[in-house]
Amino acid sequence: MSFLFGLVFVVTFIVSTKCIGNNRGYACGPLYITVSASPKSYVVLNWHFTCPDPPDTLFLLLTDSKTYEQIQDSVDVKNRRRGTYKTQYVLSREPDFPGNWSENGQNPDLDAQCLPLVVESLRNGNLVDSKCLEIQPTWMSKYGKLRLGSMMIPGTHNSGSWRGQPFLLKNYILCQDRNWWQQLVFGIRYFDVRVGVYDNDEVYLTHGVARCTPLDDELDHVANFLRKSPKEVVVLDFHAFNNPVNFTISNHKIVLDLVRKKLGNFIYPRHEMHYDEGPTLDEVWSTGGRVIISYNRRHIVNENHWLWYEVSRDWGNVIHVDKLQRYIYEKTSRKHYGNPMTVLMAELTPTKLYVFLHPTSSLKNLADDVNPNLGFWLRDHNRSDNVNIIATDFFLGNDMINLAQETNDRKLFRLS
């Protein structure tokens, strides 16, 4: 312990509320913070050292706005070039977002912002690299030349299933643990939307037969976010219509009327696609509309010019991590007519037999099996260059938001 506290003096220096090391450049390969799903939201340190003389120690530091306050945890990484380490520090379910990015914040700062958590790597007591856990509310703003169907976009699977009414096998219903406001502020831009219409024409986000959270609340989050972030584009992919089983034209009208009421002029209608990869962000921004509503019912889309056709999706439908890895490596996408975007669903799917044999397990456990590997899989040989949208469970458990920016930086560089 004396060694740790002695090193406090080595790492103490002034920092600002702006993000530490938020340019995604790495001194010795990827170094980043994620958050586990199970059993709690523990902060996780991730590293993949590629330099000849790698660091030997990692610190998790809890900071304030001026100085590093204290070391929360440390790990010896000597002779361990790649790995993850789950600390005992728990991230709040409702963290205090910096830069006025709370839901009621006014005039928020349009730069990336650090939460008060930093991972540092050291070699022989000397600082090598530092990265914070950050929010990314305006990350799209520098990618105006990229097309929607060619850039990498981070998303969530079953985006609305982050809470819900008491139901049987709840552990196999919830796929997220953050509402849409938090998802947006952290940097998520694609939402996998499944809905049901219930008594009094109330529309809920669903996961199968389970009712989760009211759609209108989450649409309010989207509208509020778009008002504060002038160059972000959000994709709401209405994929499934779960209640009633016979989802009627009247039910669809209830859903669509709610969407138009809540999002109004923010909606970016579909256009004739002059390019297979769709419009550039510059072209989207120029119209004032910045939310794309895709709808998995072609006859409904044909009658509503403001809707986009369904997003093509690649779904491995596997329960084993090695099979999901092979699927991600081998998958190919065939884009549907009318929508330039494709989504890779990068999560495990439990079978009925699996649930029966593992009644005390959960989607959180399955996400923790996958998420730490995703960054390694997709950074290897720049495989992320071949991904358009990626949707994951418990998204803070992976680094897809930063990885999307690394990937889009490469794509932008090639254009130049």
Protein backbone atom coordinates (compact mmCIF):
# COMPACT_ATOMS: atom_id res chain seq x y z
CA MET A 1 0.00 0.00 0.00
CA SER A 2 2.88 2.40 0.72
CA PHE A 3 3.95 1.92 -2.89
CA LEU A 4 0.52 2.99 -4.10
CA PHE A 5 0.30 6.08 -1.96
CA GLY A 6 3.83 7.01 -2.83
CA LEU A 7 2.86 7.03 -6.46
CA VAL A 8 0.07 9.50 -5.80
CA PHE A 9 2.71 12.22 -6.00
CA VAL A 10 3.89 10.91 -9.35
CA VAL A 11 0.47 11.09 -10.95
CA THR A 12 -0.81 14.29 -9.34
CA PHE A 13 -1.18 17.10 -11.81
CA ILE A 14 -3.75 19.63 -12.88
CA VAL A 15 -6.54 18.48 -15.19
CA SER A 16 -9.53 20.29 -16.64
CA THR A 17 -13.13 19.17 -16.97
CA LYS A 18 -12.48 18.62 -20.66
CA CYS A 19 -11.68 15.07 -21.55
CA ILE A 20 -8.25 13.66 -20.72
CA GLY A 21 -6.84 11.92 -23.74
CA ASN A 22 -10.16 12.06 -25.58
CA ASN A 23 -8.54 12.22 -29.03
CA ARG A 24 -8.39 8.42 -29.15
CA GLY A 25 -4.66 8.49 -29.75
CA TYR A 26 -2.88 5.84 -27.70
CA ALA A 27 0.67 5.98 -26.43
CA CYS A 28 1.00 2.18 -26.36
CA GLY A 29 -2.16 0.68 -27.86
CA PRO A 30 -5.79 0.84 -26.74
CA LEU A 31 -6.46 1.74 -23.11
CA TYR A 32 -10.01 2.44 -21.96
CA ILE A 33 -12.67 2.13 -19.27
CA THR A 34 -15.88 0.13 -19.59
CA VAL A 35 -18.63 -0.81 -17.14
CA SER A 36 -19.75 -4.37 -16.36
CA ALA A 37 -23.39 -5.42 -16.37
CA SER A 38 -23.30 -8.09 -13.66
CA PRO A 39 -23.57 -8.27 -10.74
CA LYS A 40 -23.19 -4.49 -10.47
CA SER A 41 -21.99 -1.65 -12.69
CA TYR A 42 -18.35 -2.18 -11.79
CA VAL A 43 -15.75 -0.08 -13.62
CA VAL A 44 -13.53 -2.27 -15.80
CA LEU A 45 -10.01 -1.44 -17.07
CA ASN A 46 -9.15 -2.64 -20.59
CA TRP A 47 -5.80 -2.64 -22.34
CA HIS A 48 -3.99 -3.98 -25.41
CA PHE A 49 -0.36 -2.89 -25.37
CA THR A 50 1.44 -2.86 -28.71
CA CYS A 51 4.62 -0.87 -27.98
CA PRO A 52 8.01 -2.63 -27.53
CA ASP A 53 8.29 -1.66 -23.86
CA PRO A 54 4.76 -1.86 -22.42
CA PRO A 55 3.54 -0.42 -19.10
CA ASP A 56 3.69 -2.51 -15.95
CA THR A 57 0.91 -0.96 -13.83
CA LEU A 58 -2.61 0.43 -14.28
CA PHE A 59 -4.36 2.79 -11.86
CA LEU A 60 -8.03 3.68 -11.62
CA LEU A 61 -8.21 7.25 -10.36
CA LEU A 62 -11.23 9.10 -9.00
CA THR A 63 -10.90 12.79 -9.85
CA ASP A 64 -12.51 16.13 -9.17
CA SER A 65 -12.46 19.14 -11.47
CA LYS A 66 -8.92 20.22 -10.58
CA THR A 67 -6.74 17.44 -9.27
CA TYR A 68 -6.58 13.70 -8.99
CA GLU A 69 -8.12 12.91 -5.62
CA GLN A 70 -7.24 9.30 -4.99
CA ILE A 71 -6.31 5.94 -6.40
CA GLN A 72 -9.31 3.62 -6.33
CA ASP A 73 -7.62 0.48 -7.60
CA SER A 74 -4.49 -0.81 -9.31
CA VAL A 75 -3.44 -3.86 -11.27
CA ASP A 76 -0.06 -5.31 -12.16
CA VAL A 77 0.00 -5.81 -15.95
CA LYS A 78 3.65 -6.81 -16.30
CA ASN A 79 3.90 -9.49 -19.00
CA ARG A 80 0.19 -9.07 -19.77
CA ARG A 81 -0.08 -7.26 -23.08
CA ARG A 82 -3.85 -7.64 -23.39
CA GLY A 83 -6.61 -8.04 -20.83
CA THR A 84 -9.41 -6.68 -18.70
CA TYR A 85 -9.64 -6.07 -14.96
CA LYS A 86 -12.88 -5.56 -13.03
CA THR A 87 -12.41 -3.07 -10.21
CA GLN A 88 -14.68 -2.78 -7.18
CA TYR A 89 -15.74 0.79 -8.03
CA VAL A 90 -19.44 1.01 -8.99
CA LEU A 91 -20.68 3.59 -11.49
CA SER A 92 -23.94 5.21 -10.43
CA ARG A 93 -27.08 4.32 -12.38
CA GLU A 94 -27.64 8.08 -12.74
CA PRO A 95 -24.19 9.69 -12.94
CA ASP A 96 -23.82 13.45 -12.72
CA PHE A 97 -23.07 14.33 -16.35
CA PRO A 98 -20.51 17.15 -16.78
CA GLY A 99 -20.86 20.06 -19.19
CA ASN A 100 -24.55 20.72 -18.37
CA TRP A 101 -25.61 17.45 -20.01
CA SER A 102 -28.22 16.60 -17.41
CA GLU A 103 -31.73 16.38 -18.87
CA ASN A 104 -32.55 19.84 -17.54
CA GLY A 105 -29.17 21.39 -18.29
CA GLN A 106 -29.05 24.61 -20.28
CA ASN A 107 -26.51 25.57 -22.98
CA PRO A 108 -24.45 22.38 -22.67
CA ASP A 109 -20.79 22.25 -23.65
CA LEU A 110 -20.50 20.73 -27.13
CA ASP A 111 -17.15 19.04 -26.46
CA ALA A 112 -16.55 15.55 -25.14
CA GLN A 113 -16.52 15.55 -21.36
CA CYS A 114 -14.88 13.34 -18.75
CA LEU A 115 -16.67 11.62 -15.96
CA PRO A 116 -14.44 11.66 -12.86
CA LEU A 117 -12.87 8.29 -13.64
CA VAL A 118 -9.45 7.91 -15.26
CA VAL A 119 -7.31 4.89 -16.09
CA GLU A 120 -3.56 5.51 -16.18
CA SER A 121 -0.79 3.25 -17.39
CA LEU A 122 2.69 3.56 -15.92
CA ARG A 123 6.11 2.13 -16.66
CA ASN A 124 8.57 2.12 -13.77
CA GLY A 125 6.46 4.75 -12.04
CA ASN A 126 6.34 7.06 -15.07
CA LEU A 127 3.10 7.98 -16.78
CA VAL A 128 2.62 6.39 -20.22
CA ASP A 129 -1.04 7.09 -21.04
CA SER A 130 -4.30 8.23 -19.44
CA LYS A 131 -7.90 7.86 -20.57
CA CYS A 132 -11.15 8.81 -18.89
CA LEU A 133 -14.65 7.42 -19.06
CA GLU A 134 -16.33 10.05 -21.16
CA ILE A 135 -19.64 11.19 -22.52
CA GLN A 136 -19.76 11.79 -26.28
CA PRO A 137 -22.88 13.92 -26.92
CA THR A 138 -21.61 15.55 -30.14
CA TRP A 139 -19.21 13.04 -31.68
CA MET A 140 -20.85 13.06 -35.14
CA SER A 141 -20.16 16.75 -35.77
CA LYS A 142 -16.82 16.23 -37.52
CA TYR A 143 -17.97 13.51 -39.91
CA GLY A 144 -20.10 15.58 -42.28
CA LYS A 145 -18.44 14.10 -45.40
CA LEU A 146 -19.25 10.50 -44.46
CA ARG A 147 -22.36 8.70 -45.70
CA LEU A 148 -24.84 7.06 -43.36
CA GLY A 149 -24.37 3.66 -44.92
CA SER A 150 -20.58 3.72 -44.86
CA MET A 151 -19.70 5.15 -41.45
CA MET A 152 -19.64 3.13 -38.22
CA ILE A 153 -22.50 3.94 -35.85
CA PRO A 154 -22.83 2.57 -32.29
CA GLY A 155 -26.25 1.31 -31.21
CA THR A 156 -28.14 -0.76 -28.67
CA HIS A 157 -30.11 -3.98 -29.02
CA ASN A 158 -33.63 -3.96 -27.57
CA SER A 159 -32.96 -0.35 -26.65
CA GLY A 160 -36.08 0.18 -24.56
CA SER A 161 -35.74 -2.87 -22.34
CA TRP A 162 -33.86 -1.17 -19.53
CA ARG A 163 -36.68 -1.41 -16.97
CA GLY A 164 -40.17 -2.84 -16.85
CA GLN A 165 -43.14 -4.23 -15.01
CA PRO A 166 -42.51 -7.28 -12.80
CA PHE A 167 -42.48 -10.32 -15.00
CA LEU A 168 -41.33 -13.91 -15.04
CA LEU A 169 -37.68 -14.46 -15.95
CA LYS A 170 -36.90 -10.75 -15.71
CA ASN A 171 -33.20 -11.56 -15.96
CA TYR A 172 -33.79 -12.63 -19.56
CA ILE A 173 -35.83 -9.55 -20.53
CA LEU A 174 -33.67 -6.53 -19.71
CA CYS A 175 -30.97 -5.84 -22.31
CA GLN A 176 -29.90 -2.36 -21.16
CA ASP A 177 -29.52 -0.49 -17.89
CA ARG A 178 -29.69 3.13 -19.08
CA ASN A 179 -32.59 5.17 -20.45
CA TRP A 180 -32.44 6.79 -23.87
CA TRP A 181 -31.18 10.10 -22.54
CA GLN A 182 -28.14 8.42 -21.03
CA GLN A 183 -27.64 6.28 -24.12
CA LEU A 184 -27.67 9.39 -26.34
CA VAL A 185 -25.35 11.43 -24.14
CA PHE A 186 -22.82 8.60 -23.93
CA GLY A 187 -22.86 8.44 -27.74
CA ILE A 188 -25.41 5.83 -28.89
CA ARG A 189 -27.06 6.79 -32.21
CA TYR A 190 -29.00 3.68 -33.29
CA PHE A 191 -31.98 2.35 -31.33
CA ASP A 192 -33.55 -1.07 -31.85
CA VAL A 193 -37.22 -0.29 -31.15
CA ARG A 194 -39.93 -2.86 -30.35
CA VAL A 195 -43.38 -1.61 -29.37
CA GLY A 196 -46.81 -2.67 -28.15
CA VAL A 197 -50.12 -0.83 -27.88
CA TYR A 198 -52.02 -1.40 -24.62
CA ASP A 199 -55.12 -0.16 -22.81
CA ASN A 200 -56.10 3.46 -23.47
CA ASP A 201 -53.88 3.37 -26.57
CA GLU A 202 -50.73 3.61 -24.46
CA VAL A 203 -47.59 2.70 -26.41
CA TYR A 204 -44.82 0.88 -24.57
CA LEU A 205 -41.40 -0.32 -25.58
CA THR A 206 -41.35 -4.09 -25.27
CA HIS A 207 -39.17 -7.17 -25.33
CA GLY A 208 -41.33 -9.96 -26.66
CA VAL A 209 -44.44 -10.17 -24.51
CA ALA A 210 -42.87 -8.08 -21.72
CA ARG A 211 -43.89 -4.43 -21.39
CA CYS A 212 -40.92 -2.25 -20.47
CA THR A 213 -41.15 1.56 -20.55
CA PRO A 214 -43.46 4.16 -22.17
CA LEU A 215 -42.40 5.14 -25.67
CA ASP A 216 -43.45 8.76 -25.25
CA ASP A 217 -40.98 9.28 -22.38
CA GLU A 218 -38.09 8.04 -24.49
CA LEU A 219 -39.16 10.09 -27.52
CA ASP A 220 -39.09 13.14 -25.25
CA HIS A 221 -35.46 12.25 -24.46
CA VAL A 222 -34.68 12.11 -28.20
CA ALA A 223 -36.32 15.48 -28.93
CA ASN A 224 -34.60 17.11 -25.95
CA PHE A 225 -31.25 15.72 -27.03
CA LEU A 226 -31.61 16.87 -30.64
CA ARG A 227 -32.45 20.40 -29.50
CA LYS A 228 -29.15 20.51 -27.61
CA SER A 229 -26.86 18.75 -30.10
CA PRO A 230 -27.19 20.43 -33.50
CA LYS A 231 -25.28 17.91 -35.63
CA GLU A 232 -26.19 14.49 -34.25
CA VAL A 233 -28.27 12.06 -36.32
CA VAL A 234 -30.37 9.42 -34.54
CA VAL A 235 -31.80 6.26 -36.12
CA LEU A 236 -34.96 4.80 -34.55
CA ASP A 237 -35.45 1.37 -36.11
CA PHE A 238 -38.99 0.16 -35.39
CA HIS A 239 -38.31 -3.53 -35.79
CA ALA A 240 -41.04 -5.45 -33.95
CA PHE A 241 -44.69 -4.88 -33.03
CA ASN A 242 -45.35 -7.24 -30.15
CA ASN A 243 -48.77 -6.37 -28.71
CA PRO A 244 -51.43 -7.12 -29.72
CA VAL A 245 -50.39 -10.21 -31.66
CA ASN A 246 -52.64 -9.05 -34.49
CA PHE A 247 -51.09 -5.59 -34.84
CA THR A 248 -53.65 -3.69 -36.88
CA ILE A 249 -53.50 -0.64 -39.11
CA SER A 250 -55.13 1.27 -36.27
CA ASN A 251 -52.35 0.18 -33.91
CA HIS A 252 -49.73 1.35 -36.38
CA LYS A 253 -51.51 4.70 -36.67
CA ILE A 254 -51.37 5.14 -32.88
CA VAL A 255 -47.61 4.52 -32.90
CA LEU A 256 -46.92 6.78 -35.88
CA ASP A 257 -49.09 9.61 -34.59
CA LEU A 258 -47.12 9.56 -31.33
CA VAL A 259 -43.78 9.62 -33.16
CA ARG A 260 -44.84 12.57 -35.33
CA LYS A 261 -46.25 14.44 -32.35
CA LYS A 262 -43.07 14.06 -30.33
CA LEU A 263 -40.40 14.47 -33.02
CA GLY A 264 -42.13 16.65 -35.63
CA ASN A 265 -39.67 18.73 -37.65
CA PHE A 266 -36.72 16.67 -36.42
CA ILE A 267 -37.77 13.82 -38.72
CA TYR A 268 -35.59 13.33 -41.80
CA PRO A 269 -37.81 11.74 -44.48
CA ARG A 270 -36.57 9.19 -46.94
CA HIS A 271 -35.36 10.42 -50.32
CA GLU A 272 -34.57 8.76 -53.57
CA MET A 273 -31.20 7.17 -52.96
CA HIS A 274 -28.71 8.56 -55.44
CA TYR A 275 -25.95 6.63 -53.67
CA ASP A 276 -26.02 3.08 -52.39
CA GLU A 277 -24.55 4.31 -49.11
CA GLY A 278 -27.12 7.04 -48.59
CA PRO A 279 -26.76 10.77 -47.85
CA THR A 280 -23.78 12.36 -46.16
CA LEU A 281 -24.22 13.85 -42.73
CA ASP A 282 -23.73 17.27 -44.34
CA GLU A 283 -26.73 16.58 -46.56
CA VAL A 284 -28.82 15.47 -43.59
CA TRP A 285 -27.86 18.52 -41.52
CA SER A 286 -28.77 20.90 -44.35
CA THR A 287 -32.43 19.87 -44.12
CA GLY A 288 -32.86 20.46 -40.40
CA GLY A 289 -34.19 16.92 -39.89
CA ARG A 290 -31.90 14.67 -37.88
CA VAL A 291 -33.87 11.64 -36.79
CA ILE A 292 -34.49 8.72 -39.16
CA ILE A 293 -37.52 6.55 -38.53
CA SER A 294 -37.19 3.14 -40.16
CA TYR A 295 -40.24 0.88 -40.01
CA ASN A 296 -40.33 -2.86 -40.51
CA ARG A 297 -43.65 -2.89 -42.38
CA ARG A 298 -43.27 -2.13 -46.07
CA HIS A 299 -46.92 -1.42 -46.75
CA ILE A 300 -46.91 1.20 -44.00
CA VAL A 301 -43.71 2.81 -45.32
CA ASN A 302 -45.11 2.92 -48.86
CA GLU A 303 -47.94 5.14 -47.59
CA ASN A 304 -45.79 7.47 -45.46
CA HIS A 305 -43.02 9.37 -47.22
CA TRP A 306 -41.38 10.34 -43.92
CA LEU A 307 -40.65 6.72 -42.98
CA TRP A 308 -37.60 4.76 -44.13
CA TYR A 309 -37.67 1.12 -45.08
CA GLU A 310 -36.32 -1.41 -42.58
CA VAL A 311 -32.65 -1.46 -41.68
CA SER A 312 -31.02 -4.71 -42.86
CA ARG A 313 -29.84 -6.72 -39.87
CA ASP A 314 -27.29 -9.45 -39.35
CA TRP A 315 -28.25 -11.60 -36.38
CA GLY A 316 -26.12 -14.59 -35.47
CA ASN A 317 -28.76 -16.11 -33.16
CA VAL A 318 -26.09 -18.01 -31.20
CA ILE A 319 -25.53 -18.66 -27.49
CA HIS A 320 -21.78 -19.41 -27.50
CA VAL A 321 -19.12 -16.67 -27.57
CA ASP A 322 -16.85 -18.50 -30.04
CA LYS A 323 -19.73 -18.90 -32.49
CA LEU A 324 -20.59 -15.20 -32.19
CA GLN A 325 -16.96 -14.33 -32.88
CA ARG A 326 -16.95 -16.48 -36.03
CA TYR A 327 -20.22 -14.93 -37.13
CA ILE A 328 -18.88 -11.39 -36.69
CA TYR A 329 -15.74 -12.29 -38.65
CA GLU A 330 -17.65 -13.96 -41.46
CA LYS A 331 -20.88 -12.04 -41.69
CA THR A 332 -21.96 -10.29 -44.88
CA SER A 333 -24.77 -7.82 -45.33
CA ARG A 334 -27.28 -7.53 -48.11
CA LYS A 335 -28.92 -4.13 -47.94
CA HIS A 336 -32.64 -3.98 -48.45
CA TYR A 337 -33.97 -1.74 -51.17
CA GLY A 338 -34.70 1.73 -49.85
CA ASN A 339 -32.36 1.81 -46.86
CA PRO A 340 -28.57 2.12 -47.14
CA MET A 341 -27.90 1.04 -43.57
CA THR A 342 -27.17 -2.36 -42.05
CA VAL A 343 -26.91 -3.37 -38.39
CA LEU A 344 -24.85 -6.12 -36.80
CA MET A 345 -26.55 -7.49 -33.69
CA ALA A 346 -23.54 -8.33 -31.52
CA GLU A 347 -25.01 -10.17 -28.57
CA LEU A 348 -25.74 -13.71 -27.46
CA THR A 349 -29.28 -15.10 -27.82
CA PRO A 350 -30.37 -17.64 -25.21
CA THR A 351 -32.53 -20.55 -26.34
CA LYS A 352 -35.48 -21.85 -24.31
CA LEU A 353 -33.34 -24.82 -23.30
CA TYR A 354 -30.55 -22.52 -22.12
CA VAL A 355 -32.98 -20.50 -19.99
CA PHE A 356 -34.42 -23.71 -18.52
CA LEU A 357 -30.95 -25.01 -17.62
CA HIS A 358 -29.70 -21.62 -16.34
CA PRO A 359 -32.69 -20.02 -14.57
CA THR A 360 -30.48 -17.90 -12.28
CA SER A 361 -28.30 -16.54 -15.08
CA SER A 362 -29.21 -13.41 -17.06
CA LEU A 363 -28.63 -11.36 -20.18
CA LYS A 364 -26.24 -9.33 -18.03
CA ASN A 365 -24.01 -12.37 -17.59
CA LEU A 366 -24.13 -13.13 -21.30
CA ALA A 367 -23.28 -9.51 -22.12
CA ASP A 368 -20.27 -9.65 -19.80
CA ASP A 369 -19.08 -12.71 -21.72
CA VAL A 370 -19.21 -10.82 -25.03
CA ASN A 371 -18.58 -7.15 -24.40
CA PRO A 372 -14.95 -7.31 -23.20
CA ASN A 373 -14.04 -9.14 -26.42
CA LEU A 374 -15.76 -6.92 -28.98
CA GLY A 375 -13.13 -4.21 -29.05
CA PHE A 376 -10.35 -6.77 -29.47
CA TRP A 377 -12.23 -8.57 -32.27
CA LEU A 378 -13.05 -5.45 -34.25
CA ARG A 379 -9.78 -3.59 -33.78
CA ASP A 380 -7.87 -6.64 -35.04
CA HIS A 381 -7.03 -6.02 -38.72
CA ASN A 382 -9.39 -2.99 -38.61
CA ARG A 383 -12.41 -5.28 -38.97
CA SER A 384 -14.60 -2.42 -37.77
CA ASP A 385 -14.08 -0.81 -41.20
CA ASN A 386 -16.61 -3.38 -42.48
CA VAL A 387 -19.28 -2.57 -39.88
CA ASN A 388 -21.99 0.03 -40.47
CA ILE A 389 -24.16 -0.07 -37.33
CA ILE A 390 -23.39 -2.31 -34.37
CA ALA A 391 -25.97 -2.95 -31.65
CA THR A 392 -25.03 -4.46 -28.30
CA ASP A 393 -26.50 -5.34 -24.91
CA PHE A 394 -25.45 -3.24 -21.89
CA PHE A 395 -23.46 -0.92 -24.15
CA LEU A 396 -21.19 0.56 -21.46
CA GLY A 397 -19.57 -2.85 -21.21
CA ASN A 398 -17.82 -2.33 -24.54
CA ASP A 399 -15.93 0.47 -26.26
CA MET A 400 -18.01 0.72 -29.44
CA ILE A 401 -18.56 4.49 -29.20
CA ASN A 402 -14.82 5.22 -29.17
CA LEU A 403 -14.17 2.48 -31.70
CA ALA A 404 -16.73 4.03 -34.06
CA GLN A 405 -14.83 7.29 -33.94
CA GLU A 406 -11.48 5.59 -34.54
CA THR A 407 -13.04 3.84 -37.54
CA ASN A 408 -14.68 6.99 -38.90
CA ASP A 409 -11.42 8.90 -38.50
CA ARG A 410 -9.80 6.38 -40.86
CA LYS A 411 -12.66 6.66 -43.33
CA LEU A 412 -12.49 10.45 -43.25
CA PHE A 413 -8.72 10.35 -43.79
CA ARG A 414 -9.16 8.17 -46.87
CA LEU A 415 -11.61 10.66 -48.33
CA SER A 416 -9.06 13.44 -47.91
